């Protein structure tokens, strides 16, 4: 199967009504594409993996249904095994799918971080524009802020990639800032 971004987006829209969850998937797609370019990897494949990683979450939010129900759907639709594996590997509780490939590690590293950066952008008058890793790190220390985002996953993701956490955060901020209009992260959203 040739990966097609538009088909992947149609699948997201078919299974996800929540605008914020759709934007989260678009944010992760944006970060994945930026890393694929930086690491000279398959931009389409990495983008589709980022876009589809949570497409089943709204219907099946409980582990292990998410992401296994989505994986079943992707298998039926003929998606490649490595795409499905990467999506399965972003769930820590699926121990049969350790993050062994670079794309698996990048997806894990970008998932929670993209959500946290979005939350930080929402409380800044200028949105994501001009955001620095330092301000994200400061917010990470506040347990009450974006409490559902697992800070340990953010830290572990950068460690697994062997990238300095501040560098990783800044890279994802800059990637998402380039797509701020689509992600609704600009000033006075």
C-alpha atoms as a PDB file:
ATOM      1  CA  UNK A   1       0.000   0.000   0.000  1.00  0.00           C
ATOM      2  CA  UNK A   2       1.268   3.452  -0.895  1.00  0.00           C
ATOM      3  CA  UNK A   3       0.812   5.763   2.045  1.00  0.00           C
ATOM      4  CA  UNK A   4      -1.490   8.661   1.287  1.00  0.00           C
ATOM      5  CA  UNK A   5      -1.754  11.555   3.703  1.00  0.00           C
ATOM      6  CA  UNK A   6      -5.249  12.516   2.515  1.00  0.00           C
ATOM      7  CA  UNK A   7      -6.539   8.979   3.095  1.00  0.00           C
ATOM      8  CA  UNK A   8      -5.006   9.026   6.574  1.00  0.00           C
ATOM      9  CA  UNK A   9      -6.709  12.358   7.318  1.00  0.00           C
ATOM     10  CA  UNK A  10     -10.039  10.948   6.097  1.00  0.00           C
ATOM     11  CA  UNK A  11      -9.610   8.077   8.550  1.00  0.00           C
ATOM     12  CA  UNK A  12      -8.882  10.523  11.373  1.00  0.00           C
ATOM     13  CA  UNK A  13     -12.035  12.481  10.527  1.00  0.00           C
ATOM     14  CA  UNK A  14     -14.118   9.300  10.276  1.00  0.00           C
ATOM     15  CA  UNK A  15     -13.160   8.160  13.778  1.00  0.00           C
ATOM     16  CA  UNK A  16     -12.536  11.450  15.601  1.00  0.00           C
ATOM     17  CA  UNK A  17     -15.053  14.238  16.106  1.00  0.00           C
ATOM     18  CA  UNK A  18     -13.108  16.218  18.711  1.00  0.00           C
ATOM     19  CA  UNK A  19     -11.402  19.224  17.168  1.00  0.00           C
ATOM     20  CA  UNK A  20      -8.786  19.283  19.940  1.00  0.00           C
ATOM     21  CA  UNK A  21      -7.904  15.607  19.422  1.00  0.00           C
ATOM     22  CA  UNK A  22      -7.655  16.182  15.665  1.00  0.00           C
ATOM     23  CA  UNK A  23      -5.344  19.145  16.304  1.00  0.00           C
ATOM     24  CA  UNK A  24      -3.252  16.970  18.629  1.00  0.00           C
ATOM     25  CA  UNK A  25      -2.772  14.437  15.850  1.00  0.00           C
ATOM     26  CA  UNK A  26      -1.907  17.250  13.434  1.00  0.00           C
ATOM     27  CA  UNK A  27       0.623  18.561  15.977  1.00  0.00           C
ATOM     28  CA  UNK A  28       2.296  15.182  16.290  1.00  0.00           C
ATOM     29  CA  UNK A  29       2.261  14.833  12.500  1.00  0.00           C
ATOM     30  CA  UNK A  30       3.990  18.222  12.238  1.00  0.00           C
ATOM     31  CA  UNK A  31       6.701  17.221  14.725  1.00  0.00           C
ATOM     32  CA  UNK A  32       7.188  13.834  13.048  1.00  0.00           C
ATOM     33  CA  UNK A  33       7.628  15.432   9.628  1.00  0.00           C
ATOM     34  CA  UNK A  34      10.186  17.871  11.035  1.00  0.00           C
ATOM     35  CA  UNK A  35      12.167  15.025  12.593  1.00  0.00           C
ATOM     36  CA  UNK A  36      11.926  12.949   9.407  1.00  0.00           C
ATOM     37  CA  UNK A  37      13.450  15.844   7.464  1.00  0.00           C
ATOM     38  CA  UNK A  38      16.163  16.353  10.070  1.00  0.00           C
ATOM     39  CA  UNK A  39      17.033  12.643  10.153  1.00  0.00           C
ATOM     40  CA  UNK A  40      16.665  12.093   6.386  1.00  0.00           C
ATOM     41  CA  UNK A  41      13.786   9.637   6.826  1.00  0.00           C
ATOM     42  CA  UNK A  42      10.539   9.028   4.895  1.00  0.00           C
ATOM     43  CA  UNK A  43       8.563  12.239   5.459  1.00  0.00           C
ATOM     44  CA  UNK A  44       5.238  10.829   4.231  1.00  0.00           C
ATOM     45  CA  UNK A  45       5.480   7.671   6.332  1.00  0.00           C
ATOM     46  CA  UNK A  46       6.533   9.485   9.491  1.00  0.00           C
ATOM     47  CA  UNK A  47       3.821  12.113   8.997  1.00  0.00           C
ATOM     48  CA  UNK A  48       1.119   9.478   8.499  1.00  0.00           C
ATOM     49  CA  UNK A  49       2.275   7.654  11.640  1.00  0.00           C
ATOM     50  CA  UNK A  50       2.029  10.888  13.642  1.00  0.00           C
ATOM     51  CA  UNK A  51      -1.354  11.691  12.150  1.00  0.00           C
ATOM     52  CA  UNK A  52      -2.858   8.252  12.802  1.00  0.00           C
ATOM     53  CA  UNK A  53      -1.352   7.446  16.204  1.00  0.00           C
ATOM     54  CA  UNK A  54      -4.509   8.401  18.165  1.00  0.00           C
ATOM     55  CA  UNK A  55      -7.228   8.105  15.508  1.00  0.00           C
ATOM     56  CA  UNK A  56      -8.978   5.351  17.521  1.00  0.00           C
ATOM     57  CA  UNK A  57      -8.675   7.069  20.917  1.00  0.00           C
ATOM     58  CA  UNK A  58     -12.059   8.808  20.936  1.00  0.00           C
ATOM     59  CA  UNK A  59     -13.946   5.541  20.370  1.00  0.00           C
ATOM     60  CA  UNK A  60     -11.674   3.247  22.396  1.00  0.00           C
ATOM     61  CA  UNK A  61      -9.802   5.337  24.998  1.00  0.00           C
ATOM     62  CA  UNK A  62      -9.116   2.493  27.428  1.00  0.00           C
ATOM     63  CA  UNK A  63      -5.973   0.357  27.313  1.00  0.00           C
ATOM     64  CA  UNK A  64      -5.319  -1.874  25.521  1.00  0.00           C
ATOM     65  CA  UNK A  65      -8.215  -1.096  23.156  1.00  0.00           C
ATOM     66  CA  UNK A  66      -6.274   2.026  22.220  1.00  0.00           C
ATOM     67  CA  UNK A  67      -4.247   1.521  20.067  1.00  0.00           C
ATOM     68  CA  UNK A  68      -5.079  -2.134  19.347  1.00  0.00           C
ATOM     69  CA  UNK A  69      -8.539  -1.415  17.859  1.00  0.00           C
ATOM     70  CA  UNK A  70      -6.947   1.149  15.585  1.00  0.00           C
ATOM     71  CA  UNK A  71      -4.219  -1.323  14.643  1.00  0.00           C
ATOM     72  CA  UNK A  72      -6.894  -3.825  13.567  1.00  0.00           C
ATOM     73  CA  UNK A  73      -8.520  -1.191  11.367  1.00  0.00           C
ATOM     74  CA  UNK A  74      -5.182  -0.205   9.848  1.00  0.00           C
ATOM     75  CA  UNK A  75      -4.384  -3.870   9.156  1.00  0.00           C
ATOM     76  CA  UNK A  76      -7.765  -4.315   7.410  1.00  0.00           C
ATOM     77  CA  UNK A  77      -7.044  -1.239   5.302  1.00  0.00           C
ATOM     78  CA  UNK A  78      -3.662  -2.602   4.243  1.00  0.00           C
ATOM     79  CA  UNK A  79      -1.344  -0.247   6.104  1.00  0.00           C
ATOM     80  CA  UNK A  80       2.267  -1.476   6.308  1.00  0.00           C
ATOM     81  CA  UNK A  81       3.324  -3.453   9.375  1.00  0.00           C
ATOM     82  CA  UNK A  82       6.030  -0.941  10.350  1.00  0.00           C
ATOM     83  CA  UNK A  83       3.457   1.866  10.452  1.00  0.00           C
ATOM     84  CA  UNK A  84       1.148  -0.217  12.643  1.00  0.00           C
ATOM     85  CA  UNK A  85       4.043  -1.316  14.854  1.00  0.00           C
ATOM     86  CA  UNK A  86       5.148   2.278  15.473  1.00  0.00           C
ATOM     87  CA  UNK A  87       1.602   3.230  16.480  1.00  0.00           C
ATOM     88  CA  UNK A  88       1.346   0.264  18.848  1.00  0.00           C
ATOM     89  CA  UNK A  89       4.737   1.077  20.361  1.00  0.00           C
ATOM     90  CA  UNK A  90       3.648   4.517  21.567  1.00  0.00           C
ATOM     91  CA  UNK A  91       1.586   2.811  24.300  1.00  0.00           C
ATOM     92  CA  UNK A  92       3.837   1.868  27.244  1.00  0.00           C
ATOM     93  CA  UNK A  93       1.364  -0.773  28.420  1.00  0.00           C
ATOM     94  CA  UNK A  94       1.799  -2.819  25.223  1.00  0.00           C
ATOM     95  CA  UNK A  95       5.009  -4.505  26.320  1.00  0.00           C
ATOM     96  CA  UNK A  96       5.032  -6.783  23.252  1.00  0.00           C
ATOM     97  CA  UNK A  97       5.826  -3.702  21.138  1.00  0.00           C
ATOM     98  CA  UNK A  98       8.984  -2.097  22.533  1.00  0.00           C
ATOM     99  CA  UNK A  99      10.231   1.043  20.827  1.00  0.00           C
ATOM    100  CA  UNK A 100      13.089  -0.390  18.793  1.00  0.00           C
ATOM    101  CA  UNK A 101      12.991   1.564  15.521  1.00  0.00           C
ATOM    102  CA  UNK A 102      13.879   5.236  15.253  1.00  0.00           C
ATOM    103  CA  UNK A 103      10.355   6.148  14.131  1.00  0.00           C
ATOM    104  CA  UNK A 104       8.915   4.406  17.228  1.00  0.00           C
ATOM    105  CA  UNK A 105      11.134   6.492  19.485  1.00  0.00           C
ATOM    106  CA  UNK A 106      10.379   9.750  17.714  1.00  0.00           C
ATOM    107  CA  UNK A 107       6.616   9.154  17.904  1.00  0.00           C
ATOM    108  CA  UNK A 108       6.840   8.461  21.633  1.00  0.00           C
ATOM    109  CA  UNK A 109       9.067  11.499  22.173  1.00  0.00           C
ATOM    110  CA  UNK A 110       6.694  13.824  20.309  1.00  0.00           C
ATOM    111  CA  UNK A 111       3.299  12.603  21.520  1.00  0.00           C
ATOM    112  CA  UNK A 112       3.024  13.937  25.080  1.00  0.00           C
ATOM    113  CA  UNK A 113       5.340  16.855  24.330  1.00  0.00           C
ATOM    114  CA  UNK A 114       3.118  18.134  21.510  1.00  0.00           C
ATOM    115  CA  UNK A 115       0.149  18.083  23.887  1.00  0.00           C
ATOM    116  CA  UNK A 116       2.075  19.931  26.559  1.00  0.00           C
ATOM    117  CA  UNK A 117       3.384  22.577  24.151  1.00  0.00           C
ATOM    118  CA  UNK A 118      -0.188  23.133  22.976  1.00  0.00           C
ATOM    119  CA  UNK A 119      -1.316  23.676  26.579  1.00  0.00           C
ATOM    120  CA  UNK A 120       1.494  26.174  27.168  1.00  0.00           C
ATOM    121  CA  UNK A 121       0.634  28.030  23.943  1.00  0.00           C
ATOM    122  CA  UNK A 122      -2.987  28.362  25.062  1.00  0.00           C
ATOM    123  CA  UNK A 123      -2.013  30.332  28.184  1.00  0.00           C
ATOM    124  CA  UNK A 124       0.352  32.699  26.377  1.00  0.00           C
ATOM    125  CA  UNK A 125      -1.128  35.838  24.762  1.00  0.00           C
ATOM    126  CA  UNK A 126       1.222  35.367  21.789  1.00  0.00           C
ATOM    127  CA  UNK A 127       0.450  31.658  21.531  1.00  0.00           C
ATOM    128  CA  UNK A 128       3.335  29.516  20.330  1.00  0.00           C
ATOM    129  CA  UNK A 129       5.158  32.428  18.671  1.00  0.00           C
ATOM    130  CA  UNK A 130       8.429  33.143  20.452  1.00  0.00           C
ATOM    131  CA  UNK A 131       7.984  30.255  22.888  1.00  0.00           C
ATOM    132  CA  UNK A 132      11.189  28.896  24.389  1.00  0.00           C
ATOM    133  CA  UNK A 133      12.012  25.522  25.913  1.00  0.00           C
ATOM    134  CA  UNK A 134      12.744  27.293  29.201  1.00  0.00           C
ATOM    135  CA  UNK A 135       9.102  28.380  29.601  1.00  0.00           C
ATOM    136  CA  UNK A 136       7.898  24.845  28.780  1.00  0.00           C
ATOM    137  CA  UNK A 137      10.287  23.383  31.366  1.00  0.00           C
ATOM    138  CA  UNK A 138       9.020  25.872  33.947  1.00  0.00           C
ATOM    139  CA  UNK A 139       5.412  24.815  33.294  1.00  0.00           C
ATOM    140  CA  UNK A 140       6.432  21.138  33.524  1.00  0.00           C
ATOM    141  CA  UNK A 141       7.275  21.753  37.198  1.00  0.00           C
ATOM    142  CA  UNK A 142       3.708  22.876  37.923  1.00  0.00           C
ATOM    143  CA  UNK A 143       1.823  19.645  38.714  1.00  0.00           C
ATOM    144  CA  UNK A 144      -1.581  21.307  38.316  1.00  0.00           C
ATOM    145  CA  UNK A 145      -0.866  22.637  34.835  1.00  0.00           C
ATOM    146  CA  UNK A 146      -1.942  20.244  32.056  1.00  0.00           C
ATOM    147  CA  UNK A 147      -2.132  17.578  34.738  1.00  0.00           C
ATOM    148  CA  UNK A 148      -3.069  14.785  32.323  1.00  0.00           C
ATOM    149  CA  UNK A 149       0.215  15.121  30.429  1.00  0.00           C
ATOM    150  CA  UNK A 150       2.796  12.652  31.695  1.00  0.00           C
ATOM    151  CA  UNK A 151       6.014  14.586  32.289  1.00  0.00           C
ATOM    152  CA  UNK A 152       7.989  11.351  32.722  1.00  0.00           C
ATOM    153  CA  UNK A 153       7.016  10.339  29.167  1.00  0.00           C
ATOM    154  CA  UNK A 154       8.365  13.653  27.861  1.00  0.00           C
ATOM    155  CA  UNK A 155      11.666  13.178  29.674  1.00  0.00           C
ATOM    156  CA  UNK A 156      11.941   9.483  28.779  1.00  0.00           C
ATOM    157  CA  UNK A 157      11.168  10.250  25.126  1.00  0.00           C
ATOM    158  CA  UNK A 158      14.100  12.644  24.791  1.00  0.00           C
ATOM    159  CA  UNK A 159      16.363  10.232  26.699  1.00  0.00           C
ATOM    160  CA  UNK A 160      15.387   7.338  24.393  1.00  0.00           C
ATOM    161  CA  UNK A 161      16.307   9.485  21.399  1.00  0.00           C
ATOM    162  CA  UNK A 162      19.574  10.529  23.001  1.00  0.00           C
ATOM    163  CA  UNK A 163      18.669  14.183  22.574  1.00  0.00           C
ATOM    164  CA  UNK A 164      18.990  16.916  25.188  1.00  0.00           C
ATOM    165  CA  UNK A 165      15.519  17.645  26.577  1.00  0.00           C
ATOM    166  CA  UNK A 166      15.748  21.399  25.995  1.00  0.00           C
ATOM    167  CA  UNK A 167      16.913  20.848  22.425  1.00  0.00           C
ATOM    168  CA  UNK A 168      14.055  18.408  21.801  1.00  0.00           C
ATOM    169  CA  UNK A 169      11.453  20.757  23.263  1.00  0.00           C
ATOM    170  CA  UNK A 170      12.731  23.702  21.216  1.00  0.00           C
ATOM    171  CA  UNK A 171      12.800  21.631  18.024  1.00  0.00           C
ATOM    172  CA  UNK A 172       9.159  20.558  18.480  1.00  0.00           C
ATOM    173  CA  UNK A 173       8.097  24.130  19.394  1.00  0.00           C
ATOM    174  CA  UNK A 174       9.665  25.452  16.194  1.00  0.00           C
ATOM    175  CA  UNK A 175       8.092  22.721  14.067  1.00  0.00           C
ATOM    176  CA  UNK A 176       4.652  23.384  15.538  1.00  0.00           C
ATOM    177  CA  UNK A 177       5.108  27.176  15.248  1.00  0.00           C
ATOM    178  CA  UNK A 178       5.549  26.806  11.494  1.00  0.00           C
ATOM    179  CA  UNK A 179       2.070  25.270  11.406  1.00  0.00           C
ATOM    180  CA  UNK A 180       0.549  27.559  14.061  1.00  0.00           C
ATOM    181  CA  UNK A 181      -2.421  28.654  11.945  1.00  0.00           C
ATOM    182  CA  UNK A 182      -3.627  25.120  11.233  1.00  0.00           C
ATOM    183  CA  UNK A 183      -2.944  24.056  14.826  1.00  0.00           C
ATOM    184  CA  UNK A 184      -4.737  27.164  16.160  1.00  0.00           C
ATOM    185  CA  UNK A 185      -1.739  28.143  18.269  1.00  0.00           C
ATOM    186  CA  UNK A 186      -1.361  31.737  17.177  1.00  0.00           C
ATOM    187  CA  UNK A 187      -2.057  34.884  19.179  1.00  0.00           C
ATOM    188  CA  UNK A 188      -5.587  35.314  20.502  1.00  0.00           C
ATOM    189  CA  UNK A 189      -6.841  31.984  19.264  1.00  0.00           C
END
